Each structure stands twice: as C-alpha cells, then as structure tokens.
Amino acid sequence: MNDPLEANRRWVLVARILRSRGNKGEVIAELLTDFPARLATLKQVYLRKPQNAPQCAELQRFWLDQNHPGMGVFHMAGFTNISQAETLRGYDVLLPFEDRVELPRGQYFVTDLIGCTVFELPKENAKLSSPACAIEQAPGVLGTVQDVFFTGEGVAGTPLLQVETTRGELLVPLAEDICTRIDVAGRRIEVRLPEGLSEVNAPET
C-alpha cells in the first residue's frame, strides 16, 4: 500500500472487510454497492482503517462469493497467507468519488439523497392574486431526507424517502410526479404532495 492520499478527497464506500478467507491471503467482505461485478474489473482499490486516511492497494483478484449473497472475496497483491490477510480485518474498501458508476437519468445514489433538504411546492391550482401572496406561494421547507426505503427483492414498488419534518417522520414516494425536481449538487428536492399525503404519517392527537 502506498502513502495516504489527501484527506479532503471524496470517497465511495463499496465494501467492508470482515475476516481472512482460505490460506492464500484472501479476505471476505460485506458488499455495500449495487454494482459488485464492476469490482472484478479494477486493478486497484483504496483501503481505510477507521480514523485513518485511505491508502491505495493493488487488487490482484476479486470475485463474488456464490455461497453467501452480499459477500465478495478480495485478494490484494502481496498478501499470501492468513496472517497477512488478518491485518485487513475491519478495513473499508473505497473508490474515489469521481470513479463511481454513472447512473442512468432518473436514478440516484442513496448517499446523494440522504441529507437533501426537501421543499414542498404549492398546489398546482393555487393562484397568485397579488404580489403580496408570492411569499405564501413560494416553496416551503418540508424537512430533510434521513433515509431511503426500498421494496423487497422481486417486489414491485416505488422507493420511499424518509423525511424528517417538524411534525415528525413523513414517507414520500420517490416518483417523478411527486418529486418534481431533484438537484443532487444543490442538495435540494422539490416535491408536490398529493392531497392527504402529509396527514398519512401525522402523529395521533
């Protein structure tokens, strides 16, 4: 592994090493990416121990563990036995932010959505009767995205944004007709809520 890279570089977490595997220096890792097959094409990854800076490591081989879904096996160059592999226990496997997969239009990384401020747009049929009403009709802050929930594997359904509002948690469908604008760079999501949605998860009184 090389010298630590600059601390202000942005990273994407793709796996977390759990333990050694076999006796040839391989390690098994929990995969934290929706595109694990891509890891088999890489020549290098970056490893980071908690609280330390990432370091570049040459990747000799990677493959998916067919017996354990969600797991993958990494074999770093220069690691040839169990003792060496055990030194990697607990390390994060990272890729530079700029090297992450480019998603099709309309798809987003969960990490890009979490933390975005959600603004509620006025109802489409609202009419501005005078300039004094403009402030009332401007988008208002609804809350902040805390998480994204998906339907189970093989089950059709729209992902839900978990939005923390002043009234509590609100689940907003990640659908184009509701989330009318998603500005990842600006950390902003504009929504037009269907009638009654804001009351669905309202706390009981």
N, C-alpha and C. Protein backbone atom coordinates (compact mmCIF):
# COMPACT_ATOMS: atom_id res chain seq x y z
N MET A 1 0.84 -1.20 0.00
CA MET A 1 0.00 0.00 0.00
C MET A 1 0.87 1.24 0.00
N ASN A 2 0.40 2.27 -0.67
CA ASN A 2 1.18 3.50 -0.83
C ASN A 2 0.90 4.48 0.30
N ASP A 3 1.50 5.66 0.19
CA ASP A 3 1.30 6.71 1.18
C ASP A 3 -0.15 7.17 1.19
N PRO A 4 -0.66 7.65 2.31
CA PRO A 4 -2.03 8.15 2.38
C PRO A 4 -2.26 9.28 1.38
N LEU A 5 -3.47 9.29 0.81
CA LEU A 5 -3.84 10.36 -0.13
C LEU A 5 -4.34 11.56 0.66
N GLU A 6 -4.59 12.64 -0.06
CA GLU A 6 -5.05 13.85 0.60
C GLU A 6 -6.37 13.60 1.32
N ALA A 7 -6.48 14.18 2.50
CA ALA A 7 -7.62 13.88 3.38
C ALA A 7 -8.93 14.44 2.86
N ASN A 8 -8.90 15.47 2.02
CA ASN A 8 -10.14 16.13 1.60
C ASN A 8 -10.73 15.51 0.34
N ARG A 9 -10.18 14.41 -0.14
CA ARG A 9 -10.74 13.75 -1.32
C ARG A 9 -12.03 13.04 -0.93
N ARG A 10 -12.99 12.97 -1.85
CA ARG A 10 -14.27 12.33 -1.57
C ARG A 10 -14.22 10.87 -1.99
N TRP A 11 -14.90 10.01 -1.21
CA TRP A 11 -14.81 8.58 -1.42
C TRP A 11 -16.20 7.93 -1.45
N VAL A 12 -16.26 6.76 -2.09
CA VAL A 12 -17.47 5.94 -2.12
C VAL A 12 -17.13 4.61 -1.43
N LEU A 13 -17.88 4.27 -0.40
CA LEU A 13 -17.68 3.02 0.31
C LEU A 13 -18.33 1.89 -0.47
N VAL A 14 -17.55 0.87 -0.86
CA VAL A 14 -18.09 -0.24 -1.66
C VAL A 14 -18.08 -1.57 -0.91
N ALA A 15 -17.28 -1.71 0.14
CA ALA A 15 -17.23 -2.98 0.88
C ALA A 15 -16.57 -2.76 2.23
N ARG A 16 -16.79 -3.72 3.11
CA ARG A 16 -16.13 -3.70 4.43
C ARG A 16 -15.57 -5.09 4.70
N ILE A 17 -14.26 -5.18 4.88
CA ILE A 17 -13.59 -6.47 5.07
C ILE A 17 -13.95 -7.05 6.43
N LEU A 18 -14.36 -8.32 6.43
CA LEU A 18 -14.79 -8.97 7.65
C LEU A 18 -13.71 -9.84 8.28
N ARG A 19 -13.02 -10.64 7.45
CA ARG A 19 -12.03 -11.57 8.00
C ARG A 19 -11.25 -12.20 6.84
N SER A 20 -10.24 -12.98 7.20
CA SER A 20 -9.47 -13.70 6.19
C SER A 20 -10.31 -14.86 5.65
N ARG A 21 -9.93 -15.33 4.46
CA ARG A 21 -10.64 -16.46 3.84
C ARG A 21 -9.60 -17.37 3.21
N GLY A 22 -9.64 -18.65 3.53
CA GLY A 22 -8.66 -19.57 2.98
C GLY A 22 -7.27 -19.31 3.56
N ASN A 23 -6.27 -19.84 2.87
CA ASN A 23 -4.89 -19.71 3.38
C ASN A 23 -3.94 -19.07 2.39
N LYS A 24 -4.51 -18.32 1.41
CA LYS A 24 -3.67 -17.71 0.37
C LYS A 24 -3.65 -16.19 0.44
N GLY A 25 -4.14 -15.62 1.55
CA GLY A 25 -4.11 -14.17 1.70
C GLY A 25 -5.38 -13.47 1.27
N GLU A 26 -6.43 -14.23 1.00
CA GLU A 26 -7.69 -13.63 0.57
C GLU A 26 -8.50 -13.19 1.78
N VAL A 27 -9.41 -12.23 1.55
CA VAL A 27 -10.31 -11.77 2.60
C VAL A 27 -11.74 -11.76 2.07
N ILE A 28 -12.69 -11.99 2.96
CA ILE A 28 -14.09 -11.91 2.58
C ILE A 28 -14.65 -10.59 3.11
N ALA A 29 -15.53 -9.97 2.31
CA ALA A 29 -16.02 -8.64 2.66
C ALA A 29 -17.52 -8.54 2.42
N GLU A 30 -18.16 -7.72 3.24
CA GLU A 30 -19.57 -7.38 3.03
C GLU A 30 -19.63 -6.32 1.94
N LEU A 31 -20.42 -6.58 0.90
CA LEU A 31 -20.52 -5.65 -0.23
C LEU A 31 -21.56 -4.58 0.05
N LEU A 32 -21.20 -3.33 -0.20
CA LEU A 32 -22.06 -2.18 0.07
C LEU A 32 -22.30 -1.38 -1.19
N THR A 33 -22.34 -2.05 -2.33
CA THR A 33 -22.55 -1.40 -3.62
C THR A 33 -23.59 -2.17 -4.41
N ASP A 34 -24.34 -1.46 -5.25
CA ASP A 34 -25.30 -2.11 -6.14
C ASP A 34 -24.64 -2.64 -7.41
N PHE A 35 -23.35 -2.41 -7.56
CA PHE A 35 -22.64 -2.81 -8.78
C PHE A 35 -21.39 -3.62 -8.43
N PRO A 36 -21.55 -4.74 -7.72
CA PRO A 36 -20.37 -5.50 -7.27
C PRO A 36 -19.56 -6.12 -8.40
N ALA A 37 -20.21 -6.46 -9.51
CA ALA A 37 -19.49 -7.10 -10.61
C ALA A 37 -18.39 -6.20 -11.16
N ARG A 38 -18.58 -4.90 -11.03
CA ARG A 38 -17.59 -3.96 -11.54
C ARG A 38 -16.25 -4.10 -10.82
N LEU A 39 -16.28 -4.54 -9.57
CA LEU A 39 -15.05 -4.66 -8.79
C LEU A 39 -14.07 -5.64 -9.42
N ALA A 40 -14.59 -6.62 -10.17
CA ALA A 40 -13.72 -7.61 -10.80
C ALA A 40 -12.89 -7.02 -11.93
N THR A 41 -13.26 -5.82 -12.39
CA THR A 41 -12.53 -5.19 -13.50
C THR A 41 -11.46 -4.21 -13.01
N LEU A 42 -11.39 -3.96 -11.70
CA LEU A 42 -10.48 -2.96 -11.17
C LEU A 42 -9.08 -3.52 -10.94
N LYS A 43 -8.10 -2.66 -11.09
CA LYS A 43 -6.71 -3.02 -10.83
C LYS A 43 -6.25 -2.55 -9.46
N GLN A 44 -6.98 -1.60 -8.90
CA GLN A 44 -6.62 -1.09 -7.58
C GLN A 44 -7.86 -0.58 -6.87
N VAL A 45 -7.81 -0.61 -5.55
CA VAL A 45 -8.85 -0.05 -4.70
C VAL A 45 -8.14 0.74 -3.61
N TYR A 46 -8.91 1.34 -2.72
CA TYR A 46 -8.32 2.09 -1.60
C TYR A 46 -8.85 1.49 -0.30
N LEU A 47 -7.95 1.30 0.64
CA LEU A 47 -8.30 0.71 1.93
C LEU A 47 -8.16 1.75 3.02
N ARG A 48 -9.13 1.72 3.95
CA ARG A 48 -9.09 2.69 5.04
C ARG A 48 -9.48 2.02 6.35
N LYS A 49 -8.60 2.16 7.31
CA LYS A 49 -8.93 1.74 8.66
C LYS A 49 -9.63 2.91 9.34
N PRO A 50 -10.65 2.63 10.17
CA PRO A 50 -11.36 3.72 10.84
C PRO A 50 -10.42 4.75 11.45
N GLN A 51 -10.71 6.02 11.20
CA GLN A 51 -9.97 7.17 11.72
C GLN A 51 -8.66 7.43 10.96
N ASN A 52 -8.33 6.62 9.96
CA ASN A 52 -7.10 6.82 9.20
C ASN A 52 -7.42 7.25 7.76
N ALA A 53 -6.41 7.74 7.06
CA ALA A 53 -6.59 8.15 5.66
C ALA A 53 -6.56 6.93 4.75
N PRO A 54 -7.29 6.96 3.62
CA PRO A 54 -7.27 5.84 2.68
C PRO A 54 -5.88 5.65 2.07
N GLN A 55 -5.56 4.39 1.75
CA GLN A 55 -4.30 4.06 1.09
C GLN A 55 -4.58 3.19 -0.11
N CYS A 56 -3.83 3.40 -1.17
CA CYS A 56 -4.02 2.65 -2.41
C CYS A 56 -3.48 1.23 -2.26
N ALA A 57 -4.22 0.26 -2.77
CA ALA A 57 -3.78 -1.14 -2.73
C ALA A 57 -4.03 -1.77 -4.10
N GLU A 58 -3.06 -2.51 -4.59
CA GLU A 58 -3.22 -3.20 -5.87
C GLU A 58 -4.13 -4.41 -5.68
N LEU A 59 -5.13 -4.52 -6.53
CA LEU A 59 -6.08 -5.62 -6.43
C LEU A 59 -5.69 -6.72 -7.40
N GLN A 60 -5.33 -7.87 -6.85
CA GLN A 60 -4.92 -8.99 -7.69
C GLN A 60 -6.13 -9.70 -8.29
N ARG A 61 -7.19 -9.84 -7.47
CA ARG A 61 -8.39 -10.52 -7.96
C ARG A 61 -9.56 -10.24 -7.04
N PHE A 62 -10.75 -10.21 -7.64
CA PHE A 62 -11.99 -10.10 -6.87
C PHE A 62 -13.03 -11.01 -7.50
N TRP A 63 -13.85 -11.65 -6.66
CA TRP A 63 -14.97 -12.42 -7.18
C TRP A 63 -16.08 -12.47 -6.14
N LEU A 64 -17.30 -12.69 -6.62
CA LEU A 64 -18.46 -12.79 -5.74
C LEU A 64 -18.48 -14.15 -5.06
N ASP A 65 -18.86 -14.16 -3.80
CA ASP A 65 -18.99 -15.41 -3.07
C ASP A 65 -20.36 -16.00 -3.39
N GLN A 66 -20.38 -17.07 -4.20
CA GLN A 66 -21.64 -17.65 -4.65
C GLN A 66 -22.43 -18.30 -3.53
N ASN A 67 -21.76 -18.67 -2.45
CA ASN A 67 -22.44 -19.34 -1.34
C ASN A 67 -23.01 -18.38 -0.31
N HIS A 68 -22.58 -17.13 -0.38
CA HIS A 68 -23.03 -16.14 0.61
C HIS A 68 -23.41 -14.85 -0.12
N PRO A 69 -24.70 -14.67 -0.45
CA PRO A 69 -25.16 -13.46 -1.13
C PRO A 69 -24.75 -12.21 -0.37
N GLY A 70 -24.33 -11.21 -1.12
CA GLY A 70 -23.93 -9.95 -0.49
C GLY A 70 -22.50 -9.94 -0.02
N MET A 71 -21.77 -11.01 -0.30
CA MET A 71 -20.37 -11.10 0.10
C MET A 71 -19.47 -11.23 -1.13
N GLY A 72 -18.25 -10.74 -1.00
CA GLY A 72 -17.27 -10.85 -2.08
C GLY A 72 -15.90 -11.16 -1.50
N VAL A 73 -15.02 -11.66 -2.37
CA VAL A 73 -13.68 -12.04 -1.93
C VAL A 73 -12.65 -11.16 -2.64
N PHE A 74 -11.79 -10.53 -1.86
CA PHE A 74 -10.71 -9.69 -2.38
C PHE A 74 -9.38 -10.40 -2.13
N HIS A 75 -8.50 -10.31 -3.13
CA HIS A 75 -7.13 -10.80 -2.95
C HIS A 75 -6.20 -9.67 -3.36
N MET A 76 -5.61 -9.03 -2.37
CA MET A 76 -4.71 -7.92 -2.62
C MET A 76 -3.31 -8.43 -2.97
N ALA A 77 -2.65 -7.75 -3.88
CA ALA A 77 -1.29 -8.13 -4.27
C ALA A 77 -0.37 -8.04 -3.05
N GLY A 78 0.50 -9.05 -2.89
CA GLY A 78 1.45 -9.05 -1.78
C GLY A 78 0.94 -9.74 -0.54
N PHE A 79 -0.33 -10.13 -0.52
CA PHE A 79 -0.89 -10.85 0.63
C PHE A 79 -0.96 -12.32 0.26
N THR A 80 -0.20 -13.14 0.98
CA THR A 80 -0.05 -14.54 0.58
C THR A 80 -0.43 -15.55 1.66
N ASN A 81 -0.79 -15.09 2.85
CA ASN A 81 -1.12 -16.04 3.90
C ASN A 81 -2.18 -15.46 4.84
N ILE A 82 -2.65 -16.31 5.75
CA ILE A 82 -3.72 -15.92 6.67
C ILE A 82 -3.30 -14.76 7.57
N SER A 83 -2.10 -14.80 8.07
CA SER A 83 -1.64 -13.75 8.99
C SER A 83 -1.67 -12.39 8.33
N GLN A 84 -1.21 -12.31 7.08
CA GLN A 84 -1.24 -11.04 6.36
C GLN A 84 -2.68 -10.61 6.10
N ALA A 85 -3.53 -11.55 5.71
CA ALA A 85 -4.92 -11.22 5.41
C ALA A 85 -5.63 -10.70 6.66
N GLU A 86 -5.32 -11.25 7.83
CA GLU A 86 -5.98 -10.84 9.06
C GLU A 86 -5.69 -9.38 9.42
N THR A 87 -4.59 -8.84 8.92
CA THR A 87 -4.28 -7.44 9.20
C THR A 87 -5.26 -6.50 8.52
N LEU A 88 -6.03 -7.01 7.55
CA LEU A 88 -7.01 -6.19 6.83
C LEU A 88 -8.40 -6.25 7.46
N ARG A 89 -8.56 -7.04 8.50
CA ARG A 89 -9.87 -7.16 9.15
C ARG A 89 -10.36 -5.78 9.60
N GLY A 90 -11.60 -5.46 9.24
CA GLY A 90 -12.20 -4.20 9.66
C GLY A 90 -11.93 -3.02 8.74
N TYR A 91 -11.13 -3.22 7.68
CA TYR A 91 -10.84 -2.13 6.76
C TYR A 91 -12.04 -1.88 5.84
N ASP A 92 -12.25 -0.61 5.49
CA ASP A 92 -13.22 -0.24 4.46
C ASP A 92 -12.54 -0.29 3.10
N VAL A 93 -13.31 -0.71 2.09
CA VAL A 93 -12.82 -0.70 0.70
C VAL A 93 -13.51 0.47 0.00
N LEU A 94 -12.72 1.38 -0.54
CA LEU A 94 -13.24 2.62 -1.12
C LEU A 94 -12.83 2.78 -2.57
N LEU A 95 -13.60 3.61 -3.27
CA LEU A 95 -13.23 4.08 -4.60
C LEU A 95 -13.33 5.60 -4.60
N PRO A 96 -12.49 6.28 -5.39
CA PRO A 96 -12.62 7.74 -5.49
C PRO A 96 -14.02 8.12 -5.98
N PHE A 97 -14.57 9.18 -5.44
CA PHE A 97 -15.91 9.62 -5.78
C PHE A 97 -16.09 9.79 -7.28
N GLU A 98 -15.05 10.30 -7.94
CA GLU A 98 -15.16 10.56 -9.38
C GLU A 98 -15.16 9.30 -10.22
N ASP A 99 -14.81 8.15 -9.61
CA ASP A 99 -14.77 6.89 -10.34
C ASP A 99 -16.01 6.04 -10.15
N ARG A 100 -17.01 6.55 -9.46
CA ARG A 100 -18.19 5.74 -9.23
C ARG A 100 -19.00 5.59 -10.51
N VAL A 101 -19.88 4.61 -10.53
CA VAL A 101 -20.68 4.31 -11.71
C VAL A 101 -21.59 5.49 -12.05
N GLU A 102 -21.71 5.79 -13.34
CA GLU A 102 -22.62 6.85 -13.79
C GLU A 102 -24.00 6.24 -13.98
N LEU A 103 -24.96 6.72 -13.23
CA LEU A 103 -26.31 6.16 -13.27
C LEU A 103 -27.11 6.73 -14.43
N PRO A 104 -28.09 5.95 -14.93
CA PRO A 104 -28.99 6.48 -15.96
C PRO A 104 -29.82 7.63 -15.41
N ARG A 105 -30.34 8.44 -16.30
CA ARG A 105 -31.17 9.58 -15.90
C ARG A 105 -32.36 9.09 -15.08
N GLY A 106 -32.62 9.77 -13.97
CA GLY A 106 -33.73 9.40 -13.11
C GLY A 106 -33.38 8.43 -12.01
N GLN A 107 -32.13 7.98 -11.97
CA GLN A 107 -31.67 7.12 -10.88
C GLN A 107 -30.63 7.86 -10.06
N TYR A 108 -30.61 7.57 -8.75
CA TYR A 108 -29.74 8.32 -7.85
C TYR A 108 -29.11 7.39 -6.83
N PHE A 109 -27.93 7.78 -6.38
CA PHE A 109 -27.31 7.07 -5.27
C PHE A 109 -28.01 7.47 -3.97
N VAL A 110 -28.23 6.48 -3.12
CA VAL A 110 -28.88 6.76 -1.84
C VAL A 110 -28.09 7.79 -1.05
N THR A 111 -26.77 7.68 -1.09
CA THR A 111 -25.93 8.62 -0.34
C THR A 111 -26.08 10.06 -0.84
N ASP A 112 -26.49 10.23 -2.12
CA ASP A 112 -26.71 11.57 -2.65
C ASP A 112 -28.03 12.16 -2.16
N LEU A 113 -29.00 11.30 -1.88
CA LEU A 113 -30.32 11.77 -1.46
C LEU A 113 -30.38 12.07 0.03
N ILE A 114 -29.70 11.25 0.82
CA ILE A 114 -29.71 11.46 2.27
C ILE A 114 -29.06 12.80 2.61
N GLY A 115 -29.75 13.58 3.39
CA GLY A 115 -29.25 14.91 3.77
C GLY A 115 -29.79 16.04 2.92
N CYS A 116 -30.47 15.70 1.82
CA CYS A 116 -31.04 16.76 0.97
C CYS A 116 -32.20 17.45 1.69
N THR A 117 -32.32 18.74 1.48
CA THR A 117 -33.46 19.49 2.02
C THR A 117 -34.63 19.34 1.06
N VAL A 118 -35.79 19.01 1.61
CA VAL A 118 -37.00 18.82 0.81
C VAL A 118 -37.88 20.05 0.91
N PHE A 119 -38.25 20.59 -0.25
CA PHE A 119 -39.11 21.77 -0.33
C PHE A 119 -40.47 21.36 -0.89
N GLU A 120 -41.53 21.79 -0.24
CA GLU A 120 -42.87 21.49 -0.74
C GLU A 120 -43.37 22.62 -1.64
N LEU A 121 -43.76 22.26 -2.85
CA LEU A 121 -44.29 23.24 -3.79
C LEU A 121 -45.76 23.49 -3.52
N PRO A 122 -46.26 24.67 -3.88
CA PRO A 122 -47.69 24.94 -3.71
C PRO A 122 -48.50 24.07 -4.65
N LYS A 123 -49.76 23.88 -4.32
CA LYS A 123 -50.65 23.10 -5.17
C LYS A 123 -50.74 23.75 -6.55
N GLU A 124 -50.85 22.93 -7.58
CA GLU A 124 -50.86 23.41 -8.96
C GLU A 124 -52.01 24.36 -9.25
N ASN A 125 -53.11 24.20 -8.54
CA ASN A 125 -54.27 25.05 -8.82
C ASN A 125 -54.26 26.34 -8.01
N ALA A 126 -53.17 26.56 -7.24
CA ALA A 126 -53.10 27.79 -6.46
C ALA A 126 -52.86 28.98 -7.39
N LYS A 127 -53.57 30.07 -7.16
CA LYS A 127 -53.46 31.27 -7.99
C LYS A 127 -52.93 32.43 -7.16
N LEU A 128 -52.01 33.16 -7.74
CA LEU A 128 -51.49 34.35 -7.06
C LEU A 128 -52.37 35.53 -7.42
N SER A 129 -53.08 36.06 -6.42
CA SER A 129 -53.98 37.17 -6.69
C SER A 129 -53.26 38.50 -6.62
N SER A 130 -52.11 38.56 -5.96
CA SER A 130 -51.38 39.81 -5.86
C SER A 130 -49.95 39.50 -5.50
N PRO A 131 -49.01 40.46 -5.74
CA PRO A 131 -47.61 40.23 -5.37
C PRO A 131 -47.45 39.90 -3.90
N ALA A 132 -48.35 40.37 -3.04
CA ALA A 132 -48.23 40.11 -1.61
C ALA A 132 -48.39 38.64 -1.29
N CYS A 133 -49.02 37.89 -2.20
CA CYS A 133 -49.24 36.46 -1.97
C CYS A 133 -48.04 35.62 -2.38
N ALA A 134 -47.07 36.23 -3.06
CA ALA A 134 -45.96 35.47 -3.63
C ALA A 134 -45.19 34.71 -2.57
N ILE A 135 -44.97 35.34 -1.42
CA ILE A 135 -44.21 34.67 -0.36
C ILE A 135 -44.95 33.45 0.14
N GLU A 136 -46.31 33.57 0.27
CA GLU A 136 -47.09 32.46 0.74
C GLU A 136 -47.06 31.29 -0.23
N GLN A 137 -46.92 31.56 -1.54
CA GLN A 137 -46.97 30.52 -2.54
C GLN A 137 -45.58 29.98 -2.90
N ALA A 138 -44.53 30.56 -2.35
CA ALA A 138 -43.17 30.07 -2.64
C ALA A 138 -42.97 28.72 -1.97
N PRO A 139 -42.06 27.87 -2.52
CA PRO A 139 -41.78 26.57 -1.90
C PRO A 139 -41.35 26.74 -0.45
N GLY A 140 -41.87 25.91 0.42
CA GLY A 140 -41.51 25.96 1.83
C GLY A 140 -40.71 24.74 2.21
N VAL A 141 -39.85 24.88 3.20
CA VAL A 141 -39.04 23.75 3.65
C VAL A 141 -39.92 22.74 4.35
N LEU A 142 -39.91 21.51 3.84
CA LEU A 142 -40.68 20.43 4.43
C LEU A 142 -39.86 19.67 5.46
N GLY A 143 -38.59 19.41 5.14
CA GLY A 143 -37.74 18.67 6.06
C GLY A 143 -36.47 18.19 5.37
N THR A 144 -35.83 17.18 5.96
CA THR A 144 -34.56 16.66 5.47
C THR A 144 -34.65 15.15 5.29
N VAL A 145 -34.10 14.65 4.20
CA VAL A 145 -34.11 13.21 3.93
C VAL A 145 -33.16 12.50 4.90
N GLN A 146 -33.70 11.55 5.65
CA GLN A 146 -32.91 10.79 6.62
C GLN A 146 -32.51 9.42 6.08
N ASP A 147 -33.34 8.85 5.20
CA ASP A 147 -33.06 7.52 4.67
C ASP A 147 -33.93 7.29 3.44
N VAL A 148 -33.65 6.19 2.74
CA VAL A 148 -34.44 5.80 1.57
C VAL A 148 -34.82 4.34 1.76
N PHE A 149 -36.11 4.03 1.65
CA PHE A 149 -36.59 2.67 1.83
C PHE A 149 -36.98 2.07 0.48
N PHE A 150 -36.59 0.81 0.26
CA PHE A 150 -36.90 0.11 -0.97
C PHE A 150 -37.80 -1.08 -0.68
N THR A 151 -38.57 -1.50 -1.71
CA THR A 151 -39.38 -2.70 -1.58
C THR A 151 -38.45 -3.92 -1.58
N GLY A 152 -38.96 -5.04 -1.13
CA GLY A 152 -38.15 -6.25 -1.08
C GLY A 152 -37.76 -6.73 -2.47
N GLU A 153 -36.76 -7.60 -2.51
CA GLU A 153 -36.27 -8.13 -3.78
C GLU A 153 -37.40 -8.85 -4.51
N GLY A 154 -37.57 -8.54 -5.79
CA GLY A 154 -38.60 -9.17 -6.59
C GLY A 154 -39.98 -8.59 -6.40
N VAL A 155 -40.09 -7.55 -5.57
CA VAL A 155 -41.38 -6.92 -5.30
C VAL A 155 -41.41 -5.55 -5.96
N ALA A 156 -42.42 -5.34 -6.80
CA ALA A 156 -42.54 -4.05 -7.48
C ALA A 156 -43.00 -2.98 -6.50
N GLY A 157 -42.51 -1.78 -6.69
CA GLY A 157 -42.93 -0.69 -5.81
C GLY A 157 -41.99 0.50 -5.93
N THR A 158 -42.46 1.64 -5.48
CA THR A 158 -41.69 2.87 -5.55
C THR A 158 -40.90 3.07 -4.26
N PRO A 159 -39.60 3.41 -4.36
CA PRO A 159 -38.83 3.72 -3.15
C PRO A 159 -39.47 4.88 -2.39
N LEU A 160 -39.23 4.93 -1.09
CA LEU A 160 -39.79 5.98 -0.24
C LEU A 160 -38.67 6.79 0.41
N LEU A 161 -38.80 8.10 0.35
CA LEU A 161 -37.88 8.98 1.07
C LEU A 161 -38.39 9.16 2.50
N GLN A 162 -37.55 8.88 3.47
CA GLN A 162 -37.90 9.14 4.86
C GLN A 162 -37.49 10.57 5.18
N VAL A 163 -38.48 11.44 5.30
CA VAL A 163 -38.23 12.87 5.51
C VAL A 163 -38.55 13.23 6.95
N GLU A 164 -37.59 13.81 7.63
CA GLU A 164 -37.81 14.27 9.00
C GLU A 164 -38.33 15.70 8.94
N THR A 165 -39.56 15.90 9.41
CA THR A 165 -40.20 17.21 9.39
C THR A 165 -40.42 17.70 10.81
N THR A 166 -40.89 18.92 10.94
CA THR A 166 -41.17 19.46 12.28
C THR A 166 -42.32 18.73 12.95
N ARG A 167 -43.11 18.00 12.15
CA ARG A 167 -44.24 17.24 12.69
C ARG A 167 -43.92 15.76 12.86
N GLY A 168 -42.69 15.40 12.55
CA GLY A 168 -42.31 14.00 12.65
C GLY A 168 -41.91 13.43 11.30
N GLU A 169 -41.87 12.11 11.22
CA GLU A 169 -41.43 11.44 10.00
C GLU A 169 -42.53 11.42 8.95
N LEU A 170 -42.12 11.65 7.70
CA LEU A 170 -43.03 11.60 6.57
C LEU A 170 -42.39 10.77 5.47
N LEU A 171 -43.12 9.80 4.93
CA LEU A 171 -42.62 8.96 3.84
C LEU A 171 -43.15 9.48 2.52
N VAL A 172 -42.23 9.89 1.65
CA VAL A 172 -42.59 10.50 0.37
C VAL A 172 -42.15 9.58 -0.76
N PRO A 173 -43.07 9.13 -1.62
CA PRO A 173 -42.69 8.28 -2.75
C PRO A 173 -41.71 8.98 -3.68
N LEU A 174 -40.67 8.25 -4.07
CA LEU A 174 -39.67 8.80 -4.98
C LEU A 174 -40.16 8.59 -6.41
N ALA A 175 -41.21 9.35 -6.76
CA ALA A 175 -41.85 9.25 -8.07
C ALA A 175 -41.76 10.60 -8.76
N GLU A 176 -41.66 10.59 -10.09
CA GLU A 176 -41.46 11.83 -10.84
C GLU A 176 -42.59 12.82 -10.65
N ASP A 177 -43.83 12.33 -10.51
CA ASP A 177 -44.95 13.26 -10.39
C ASP A 177 -45.03 13.86 -9.00
N ILE A 178 -44.28 13.31 -8.04
CA ILE A 178 -44.25 13.86 -6.69
C ILE A 178 -42.95 14.60 -6.44
N CYS A 179 -41.82 13.93 -6.70
CA CYS A 179 -40.51 14.59 -6.60
C CYS A 179 -40.23 15.22 -7.96
N THR A 180 -40.72 16.43 -8.14
CA THR A 180 -40.68 17.06 -9.47
C THR A 180 -39.29 17.55 -9.86
N ARG A 181 -38.42 17.78 -8.88
CA ARG A 181 -37.06 18.23 -9.18
C ARG A 181 -36.10 17.70 -8.12
N ILE A 182 -35.04 17.05 -8.58
CA ILE A 182 -34.01 16.55 -7.67
C ILE A 182 -32.68 17.15 -8.11
N ASP A 183 -32.15 18.03 -7.29
CA ASP A 183 -30.88 18.71 -7.57
C ASP A 183 -29.84 18.18 -6.58
N VAL A 184 -29.15 17.11 -7.00
CA VAL A 184 -28.19 16.46 -6.11
C VAL A 184 -27.07 17.43 -5.72
N ALA A 185 -26.55 18.17 -6.71
CA ALA A 185 -25.45 19.10 -6.45
C ALA A 185 -25.87 20.19 -5.47
N GLY A 186 -27.11 20.65 -5.61
CA GLY A 186 -27.61 21.70 -4.74
C GLY A 186 -28.22 21.18 -3.45
N ARG A 187 -28.24 19.82 -3.28
CA ARG A 187 -28.78 19.19 -2.08
C ARG A 187 -30.22 19.62 -1.84
N ARG A 188 -31.03 19.61 -2.92
CA ARG A 188 -32.40 20.12 -2.86
C ARG A 188 -33.34 19.18 -3.62
N ILE A 189 -34.47 18.88 -3.01
CA ILE A 189 -35.51 18.09 -3.65
C ILE A 189 -36.82 18.86 -3.52
N GLU A 190 -37.50 19.08 -4.63
CA GLU A 190 -38.78 19.77 -4.62
C GLU A 190 -39.89 18.75 -4.84
N VAL A 191 -40.89 18.80 -3.98
CA VAL A 191 -41.99 17.83 -4.05
C VAL A 191 -43.32 18.55 -4.13
N ARG A 192 -44.26 17.90 -4.80
CA ARG A 192 -45.65 18.36 -4.79
C ARG A 192 -46.47 17.20 -4.25
N LEU A 193 -46.87 17.32 -3.00
CA LEU A 193 -47.52 16.21 -2.31
C LEU A 193 -48.97 16.05 -2.74
N PRO A 194 -49.40 14.82 -3.00
CA PRO A 194 -50.82 14.57 -3.28
C PRO A 194 -51.68 14.94 -2.08
N GLU A 195 -52.91 15.22 -2.32
CA GLU A 195 -53.83 15.59 -1.25
C GLU A 195 -53.87 14.51 -0.19
N GLY A 196 -53.65 14.91 1.06
CA GLY A 196 -53.75 13.98 2.17
C GLY A 196 -52.48 13.24 2.54
N LEU A 197 -51.44 13.29 1.69
CA LEU A 197 -50.23 12.53 1.99
C LEU A 197 -49.55 13.01 3.26
N SER A 198 -49.53 14.33 3.45
CA SER A 198 -48.85 14.88 4.63
C SER A 198 -49.52 14.46 5.93
N GLU A 199 -50.81 14.01 5.85
CA GLU A 199 -51.50 13.57 7.07
C GLU A 199 -51.38 12.08 7.31
N VAL A 200 -50.88 11.33 6.33
CA VAL A 200 -50.83 9.87 6.47
C VAL A 200 -50.03 9.44 7.68
N ASN A 201 -48.85 10.03 7.84
CA ASN A 201 -47.99 9.64 8.95
C ASN A 201 -47.99 10.65 10.09
N ALA A 202 -48.96 11.52 10.10
CA ALA A 202 -49.01 12.54 11.15
C ALA A 202 -49.25 11.87 12.51
N PRO A 203 -48.59 12.36 13.56
CA PRO A 203 -48.78 11.76 14.89
C PRO A 203 -50.21 11.91 15.36
N GLU A 204 -50.67 10.89 16.08
CA GLU A 204 -52.05 10.95 16.59
C GLU A 204 -52.16 11.97 17.71
N THR A 205 -53.30 12.62 17.77
CA THR A 205 -53.54 13.63 18.81
C THR A 205 -54.63 13.15 19.74
